[in-house]
N, C-alpha and C. Protein backbone atom coordinates (compact mmCIF):
# COMPACT_ATOMS: atom_id res chain seq x y z
N MET A 1 0.85 -1.16 0.00
CA MET A 1 0.00 0.00 -0.01
C MET A 1 0.90 1.22 0.00
N LYS A 2 0.59 2.19 -0.83
CA LYS A 2 1.38 3.39 -0.97
C LYS A 2 0.56 4.59 -0.49
N THR A 3 1.18 5.47 0.28
CA THR A 3 0.49 6.66 0.73
C THR A 3 1.13 7.90 0.09
N THR A 4 0.31 8.70 -0.57
CA THR A 4 0.77 9.92 -1.18
C THR A 4 -0.08 11.06 -0.60
N GLY A 5 0.55 11.86 0.26
CA GLY A 5 -0.23 12.92 0.89
C GLY A 5 -1.33 12.32 1.71
N GLN A 6 -2.57 12.58 1.33
CA GLN A 6 -3.74 12.06 2.05
C GLN A 6 -4.38 10.90 1.33
N THR A 7 -3.85 10.54 0.17
CA THR A 7 -4.44 9.48 -0.63
C THR A 7 -3.68 8.16 -0.41
N THR A 8 -4.41 7.10 -0.14
CA THR A 8 -3.82 5.79 0.01
C THR A 8 -4.20 4.97 -1.19
N THR A 9 -3.21 4.42 -1.89
CA THR A 9 -3.49 3.60 -3.07
C THR A 9 -3.00 2.18 -2.81
N THR A 10 -3.75 1.24 -3.30
CA THR A 10 -3.40 -0.16 -3.21
C THR A 10 -3.20 -0.70 -4.62
N LYS A 11 -2.13 -1.45 -4.81
CA LYS A 11 -1.83 -2.01 -6.10
C LYS A 11 -2.92 -3.01 -6.47
N ARG A 12 -3.44 -2.95 -7.70
CA ARG A 12 -4.58 -3.78 -8.10
C ARG A 12 -4.18 -4.88 -9.09
N ALA A 13 -2.98 -4.82 -9.63
CA ALA A 13 -2.56 -5.84 -10.60
C ALA A 13 -1.07 -6.06 -10.45
N PHE A 14 -0.65 -7.28 -10.77
CA PHE A 14 0.73 -7.68 -10.59
C PHE A 14 1.28 -8.36 -11.84
N ARG A 15 2.54 -8.17 -12.10
CA ARG A 15 3.21 -8.90 -13.17
C ARG A 15 3.42 -10.33 -12.72
N ILE A 16 3.76 -11.19 -13.65
CA ILE A 16 3.95 -12.62 -13.36
C ILE A 16 4.90 -12.85 -12.17
N GLU A 17 6.06 -12.19 -12.22
CA GLU A 17 7.06 -12.38 -11.17
C GLU A 17 6.53 -11.99 -9.80
N GLU A 18 5.82 -10.87 -9.70
CA GLU A 18 5.25 -10.43 -8.44
C GLU A 18 4.18 -11.39 -7.96
N PHE A 19 3.32 -11.83 -8.88
CA PHE A 19 2.24 -12.76 -8.53
C PHE A 19 2.84 -14.05 -7.96
N ALA A 20 3.86 -14.57 -8.63
CA ALA A 20 4.50 -15.80 -8.19
C ALA A 20 5.07 -15.63 -6.78
N HIS A 21 5.74 -14.52 -6.54
CA HIS A 21 6.34 -14.25 -5.24
C HIS A 21 5.26 -14.11 -4.17
N ARG A 22 4.18 -13.36 -4.46
CA ARG A 22 3.09 -13.16 -3.50
C ARG A 22 2.43 -14.46 -3.10
N ASN A 23 2.39 -15.44 -4.02
CA ASN A 23 1.67 -16.68 -3.77
C ASN A 23 2.61 -17.89 -3.53
N SER A 24 3.88 -17.61 -3.40
CA SER A 24 4.88 -18.64 -3.09
C SER A 24 4.86 -19.79 -4.09
N ILE A 25 4.75 -19.43 -5.37
CA ILE A 25 4.83 -20.45 -6.43
C ILE A 25 5.86 -19.96 -7.44
N SER A 26 6.28 -20.85 -8.31
CA SER A 26 7.26 -20.49 -9.32
C SER A 26 6.62 -19.79 -10.52
N ARG A 27 7.43 -19.09 -11.29
CA ARG A 27 6.93 -18.46 -12.52
C ARG A 27 6.37 -19.54 -13.44
N ALA A 28 7.07 -20.70 -13.50
CA ALA A 28 6.61 -21.79 -14.35
C ALA A 28 5.22 -22.25 -13.93
N GLN A 29 4.95 -22.32 -12.62
CA GLN A 29 3.62 -22.74 -12.14
C GLN A 29 2.56 -21.71 -12.52
N VAL A 30 2.92 -20.43 -12.49
CA VAL A 30 1.97 -19.39 -12.91
C VAL A 30 1.56 -19.63 -14.37
N TYR A 31 2.53 -19.92 -15.24
CA TYR A 31 2.22 -20.18 -16.66
C TYR A 31 1.40 -21.46 -16.82
N ILE A 32 1.66 -22.46 -15.99
CA ILE A 32 0.86 -23.70 -16.03
C ILE A 32 -0.59 -23.38 -15.66
N GLU A 33 -0.78 -22.58 -14.63
CA GLU A 33 -2.14 -22.21 -14.19
C GLU A 33 -2.84 -21.39 -15.28
N LEU A 34 -2.13 -20.49 -15.93
CA LEU A 34 -2.71 -19.69 -17.01
C LEU A 34 -3.11 -20.58 -18.19
N LYS A 35 -2.22 -21.48 -18.58
CA LYS A 35 -2.47 -22.36 -19.72
C LYS A 35 -3.66 -23.29 -19.47
N ALA A 36 -3.78 -23.75 -18.22
CA ALA A 36 -4.87 -24.65 -17.84
C ALA A 36 -6.19 -23.92 -17.69
N GLY A 37 -6.16 -22.58 -17.72
CA GLY A 37 -7.40 -21.80 -17.60
C GLY A 37 -7.86 -21.62 -16.15
N ARG A 38 -7.02 -21.98 -15.20
CA ARG A 38 -7.40 -21.82 -13.78
C ARG A 38 -7.11 -20.42 -13.28
N LEU A 39 -6.27 -19.68 -14.02
CA LEU A 39 -5.90 -18.34 -13.65
C LEU A 39 -6.07 -17.45 -14.86
N ASN A 40 -6.63 -16.27 -14.64
CA ASN A 40 -6.88 -15.33 -15.73
C ASN A 40 -5.84 -14.20 -15.65
N ALA A 41 -5.44 -13.68 -16.80
CA ALA A 41 -4.49 -12.57 -16.87
C ALA A 41 -4.93 -11.63 -17.97
N ARG A 42 -4.39 -10.43 -17.93
CA ARG A 42 -4.66 -9.43 -18.97
C ARG A 42 -3.34 -8.96 -19.58
N LYS A 43 -3.40 -8.51 -20.80
CA LYS A 43 -2.20 -8.00 -21.49
C LYS A 43 -2.34 -6.50 -21.66
N VAL A 44 -1.25 -5.78 -21.38
CA VAL A 44 -1.14 -4.36 -21.66
C VAL A 44 0.21 -4.21 -22.35
N GLY A 45 0.18 -4.03 -23.67
CA GLY A 45 1.42 -4.03 -24.42
C GLY A 45 2.08 -5.37 -24.24
N SER A 46 3.33 -5.39 -23.80
CA SER A 46 4.02 -6.66 -23.61
C SER A 46 3.87 -7.17 -22.17
N ALA A 47 3.28 -6.39 -21.30
CA ALA A 47 3.13 -6.78 -19.89
C ALA A 47 1.93 -7.72 -19.70
N THR A 48 2.13 -8.78 -18.93
CA THR A 48 1.05 -9.66 -18.53
C THR A 48 0.71 -9.29 -17.09
N LEU A 49 -0.54 -8.94 -16.82
CA LEU A 49 -0.95 -8.53 -15.50
C LEU A 49 -2.02 -9.45 -14.95
N ILE A 50 -1.95 -9.73 -13.66
CA ILE A 50 -2.95 -10.51 -12.97
C ILE A 50 -3.55 -9.61 -11.90
N THR A 51 -4.86 -9.39 -11.98
CA THR A 51 -5.52 -8.48 -11.03
C THR A 51 -5.73 -9.17 -9.70
N THR A 52 -5.96 -8.35 -8.67
CA THR A 52 -6.24 -8.89 -7.35
C THR A 52 -7.53 -9.71 -7.37
N GLU A 53 -8.49 -9.31 -8.20
CA GLU A 53 -9.75 -10.07 -8.28
C GLU A 53 -9.49 -11.46 -8.86
N ASP A 54 -8.65 -11.54 -9.91
CA ASP A 54 -8.31 -12.84 -10.49
C ASP A 54 -7.47 -13.66 -9.52
N GLU A 55 -6.61 -13.01 -8.75
CA GLU A 55 -5.81 -13.70 -7.76
C GLU A 55 -6.74 -14.32 -6.69
N ASP A 56 -7.69 -13.53 -6.21
CA ASP A 56 -8.65 -14.04 -5.20
C ASP A 56 -9.45 -15.22 -5.73
N ALA A 57 -9.94 -15.10 -6.96
CA ALA A 57 -10.73 -16.18 -7.55
C ALA A 57 -9.90 -17.45 -7.69
N TRP A 58 -8.65 -17.31 -8.11
CA TRP A 58 -7.75 -18.46 -8.25
C TRP A 58 -7.53 -19.14 -6.91
N LEU A 59 -7.27 -18.32 -5.87
CA LEU A 59 -7.04 -18.88 -4.55
C LEU A 59 -8.27 -19.61 -4.01
N ARG A 60 -9.44 -19.02 -4.21
CA ARG A 60 -10.70 -19.67 -3.76
C ARG A 60 -10.95 -20.98 -4.46
N ALA A 61 -10.52 -21.10 -5.72
CA ALA A 61 -10.76 -22.30 -6.52
C ALA A 61 -9.77 -23.43 -6.25
N LEU A 62 -8.67 -23.14 -5.54
CA LEU A 62 -7.70 -24.19 -5.25
C LEU A 62 -8.35 -25.25 -4.37
N PRO A 63 -8.03 -26.52 -4.61
CA PRO A 63 -8.61 -27.57 -3.80
C PRO A 63 -8.10 -27.52 -2.36
N SER A 64 -8.97 -27.87 -1.43
CA SER A 64 -8.57 -27.94 -0.03
C SER A 64 -7.75 -29.20 0.19
N MET A 65 -6.81 -29.10 1.11
CA MET A 65 -6.02 -30.26 1.44
C MET A 65 -6.79 -31.10 2.46
N LYS A 66 -6.92 -32.36 2.20
CA LYS A 66 -7.65 -33.24 3.11
C LYS A 66 -6.67 -33.71 4.19
N SER A 67 -7.15 -33.69 5.42
CA SER A 67 -6.28 -34.14 6.51
C SER A 67 -6.30 -35.66 6.58
N THR A 68 -5.20 -36.22 6.98
CA THR A 68 -5.08 -37.68 7.11
C THR A 68 -4.92 -38.00 8.61
N ALA A 69 -6.00 -37.90 9.34
CA ALA A 69 -5.95 -38.12 10.76
C ALA A 69 -5.73 -39.63 11.02
N ALA A 70 -4.89 -39.90 11.99
CA ALA A 70 -4.56 -41.32 12.30
C ALA A 70 -5.52 -41.87 13.33
């Protein structure tokens, strides 16, 4: 979050590298998710951007890990 004077702005889209870092996955895994259609991205010129809304939707759609209680 960035504060400029009295205005607070929150970043709303991330490049592939930032998205991978934020979600603790590799760049290669980001491209796998995009190719599989599980993650949506937008293009602006040569930049590939993933919005916070698409990030949230992707996270919600990930399967839950089942516990293996003994």
